[in-house]
Amino acid sequence: MNDPTHPSDNITFSVRYADLLQECNGETDLVSYMLKIHMHELQIPIVIDPLSIRSDTLEVMHGRLTSYTYPPTGTTSYIWTPNES
């Protein structure tokens, strides 16, 4: 049975840091937090420490998170892969 809290497929998304910075009203310290919020909305099990929202460490509760940056466009793609069952 498919458990929505533990997706079985990879989740991939791309983001431009300039867009995140704009969402944060230019507050560079909050860009990582906004990125984590977007990941959480996509059901990526990202660790968000409410006492340390300025932390730029990206850690997932399970699975693996990888990223690829494309400098010409300023875009970074993230791929979350769940644990193998």
C-alpha atoms as a PDB file:
ATOM      1  CA  MET A   1       0.000   0.000   0.000  1.00  0.00           C
ATOM      2  CA  ASN A   2       1.251   3.479  -0.829  1.00  0.00           C
ATOM      3  CA  ASP A   3       2.031   5.570   2.258  1.00  0.00           C
ATOM      4  CA  PRO A   4       1.857   9.335   1.437  1.00  0.00           C
ATOM      5  CA  THR A   5       4.202  10.132   4.326  1.00  0.00           C
ATOM      6  CA  HIS A   6       6.900   7.934   2.756  1.00  0.00           C
ATOM      7  CA  PRO A   7       6.842   8.455  -1.026  1.00  0.00           C
ATOM      8  CA  SER A   8       8.386   5.616  -3.011  1.00  0.00           C
ATOM      9  CA  ASP A   9       9.497   7.712  -5.990  1.00  0.00           C
ATOM     10  CA  ASN A  10      12.250  10.284  -6.328  1.00  0.00           C
ATOM     11  CA  ILE A  11      11.249  13.922  -5.952  1.00  0.00           C
ATOM     12  CA  THR A  12      13.057  16.383  -8.206  1.00  0.00           C
ATOM     13  CA  PHE A  13      12.762  20.132  -8.324  1.00  0.00           C
ATOM     14  CA  SER A  14      14.798  23.122  -9.452  1.00  0.00           C
ATOM     15  CA  VAL A  15      15.190  26.534  -7.909  1.00  0.00           C
ATOM     16  CA  ARG A  16      16.955  29.779  -8.726  1.00  0.00           C
ATOM     17  CA  TYR A  17      18.614  31.326  -5.699  1.00  0.00           C
ATOM     18  CA  ALA A  18      17.788  34.794  -7.027  1.00  0.00           C
ATOM     19  CA  ASP A  19      14.089  33.867  -6.760  1.00  0.00           C
ATOM     20  CA  LEU A  20      14.539  32.598  -3.202  1.00  0.00           C
ATOM     21  CA  LEU A  21      16.385  35.772  -2.261  1.00  0.00           C
ATOM     22  CA  GLN A  22      13.509  37.823  -3.636  1.00  0.00           C
ATOM     23  CA  GLU A  23      11.011  35.754  -1.597  1.00  0.00           C
ATOM     24  CA  CYS A  24      13.121  36.540   1.484  1.00  0.00           C
ATOM     25  CA  ASN A  25      13.029  40.291   0.756  1.00  0.00           C
ATOM     26  CA  GLY A  26      16.796  40.328   0.306  1.00  0.00           C
ATOM     27  CA  GLU A  27      17.530  38.664   3.666  1.00  0.00           C
ATOM     28  CA  THR A  28      20.375  36.384   2.589  1.00  0.00           C
ATOM     29  CA  ASP A  29      20.380  34.590   5.955  1.00  0.00           C
ATOM     30  CA  LEU A  30      16.872  33.290   5.285  1.00  0.00           C
ATOM     31  CA  VAL A  31      17.442  31.773   1.815  1.00  0.00           C
ATOM     32  CA  SER A  32      18.252  28.308   3.201  1.00  0.00           C
ATOM     33  CA  TYR A  33      15.156  28.409   5.411  1.00  0.00           C
ATOM     34  CA  MET A  34      12.950  29.297   2.426  1.00  0.00           C
ATOM     35  CA  LEU A  35      14.536  26.448   0.443  1.00  0.00           C
ATOM     36  CA  LYS A  36      13.722  24.045   3.293  1.00  0.00           C
ATOM     37  CA  ILE A  37      10.119  25.299   3.374  1.00  0.00           C
ATOM     38  CA  HIS A  38       9.789  24.578  -0.357  1.00  0.00           C
ATOM     39  CA  MET A  39      11.224  21.088   0.169  1.00  0.00           C
ATOM     40  CA  HIS A  40       8.805  20.455   3.034  1.00  0.00           C
ATOM     41  CA  GLU A  41       5.885  21.520   0.817  1.00  0.00           C
ATOM     42  CA  LEU A  42       7.022  18.924  -1.733  1.00  0.00           C
ATOM     43  CA  GLN A  43       6.983  16.255   1.021  1.00  0.00           C
ATOM     44  CA  ILE A  44      10.758  15.919   1.103  1.00  0.00           C
ATOM     45  CA  PRO A  45      11.568  14.904   4.702  1.00  0.00           C
ATOM     46  CA  ILE A  46      13.912  17.848   5.293  1.00  0.00           C
ATOM     47  CA  VAL A  47      15.074  18.679   8.815  1.00  0.00           C
ATOM     48  CA  ILE A  48      13.945  22.181   9.828  1.00  0.00           C
ATOM     49  CA  ASP A  49      15.258  23.352  13.178  1.00  0.00           C
ATOM     50  CA  PRO A  50      12.960  26.188  14.358  1.00  0.00           C
ATOM     51  CA  LEU A  51      15.679  27.366  16.741  1.00  0.00           C
ATOM     52  CA  SER A  52      18.233  27.715  13.944  1.00  0.00           C
ATOM     53  CA  ILE A  53      16.427  28.969  10.839  1.00  0.00           C
ATOM     54  CA  ARG A  54      19.598  30.565   9.495  1.00  0.00           C
ATOM     55  CA  SER A  55      21.405  27.210   9.286  1.00  0.00           C
ATOM     56  CA  ASP A  56      22.405  26.383   5.723  1.00  0.00           C
ATOM     57  CA  THR A  57      22.791  22.658   6.399  1.00  0.00           C
ATOM     58  CA  LEU A  58      20.446  20.543   4.281  1.00  0.00           C
ATOM     59  CA  GLU A  59      19.680  17.272   6.057  1.00  0.00           C
ATOM     60  CA  VAL A  60      16.886  14.798   5.403  1.00  0.00           C
ATOM     61  CA  MET A  61      15.291  12.487   7.984  1.00  0.00           C
ATOM     62  CA  HIS A  62      15.599   9.524   5.624  1.00  0.00           C
ATOM     63  CA  GLY A  63      16.699   8.905   2.085  1.00  0.00           C
ATOM     64  CA  ARG A  64      19.325  10.862   0.188  1.00  0.00           C
ATOM     65  CA  LEU A  65      19.364  14.444  -1.087  1.00  0.00           C
ATOM     66  CA  THR A  66      21.655  15.365  -3.978  1.00  0.00           C
ATOM     67  CA  SER A  67      22.015  18.620  -5.855  1.00  0.00           C
ATOM     68  CA  TYR A  68      23.359  19.836  -9.174  1.00  0.00           C
ATOM     69  CA  THR A  69      24.067  23.493  -9.921  1.00  0.00           C
ATOM     70  CA  TYR A  70      23.990  25.035 -13.391  1.00  0.00           C
ATOM     71  CA  PRO A  71      26.025  28.271 -13.059  1.00  0.00           C
ATOM     72  CA  PRO A  72      24.984  29.837 -16.387  1.00  0.00           C
ATOM     73  CA  THR A  73      21.350  29.941 -15.273  1.00  0.00           C
ATOM     74  CA  GLY A  74      21.833  30.192 -11.520  1.00  0.00           C
ATOM     75  CA  THR A  75      19.596  27.162 -11.131  1.00  0.00           C
ATOM     76  CA  THR A  76      20.140  24.324  -8.693  1.00  0.00           C
ATOM     77  CA  SER A  77      18.287  21.032  -9.090  1.00  0.00           C
ATOM     78  CA  TYR A  78      17.639  18.847  -6.055  1.00  0.00           C
ATOM     79  CA  ILE A  79      16.808  15.148  -6.127  1.00  0.00           C
ATOM     80  CA  TRP A  80      15.504  13.362  -3.056  1.00  0.00           C
ATOM     81  CA  THR A  81      15.734   9.581  -3.230  1.00  0.00           C
ATOM     82  CA  PRO A  82      13.882   7.535  -0.593  1.00  0.00           C
ATOM     83  CA  ASN A  83      15.514   4.670   1.252  1.00  0.00           C
ATOM     84  CA  GLU A  84      15.377   1.365  -0.545  1.00  0.00           C
ATOM     85  CA  SER A  85      12.872  -1.040   1.001  1.00  0.00           C
END
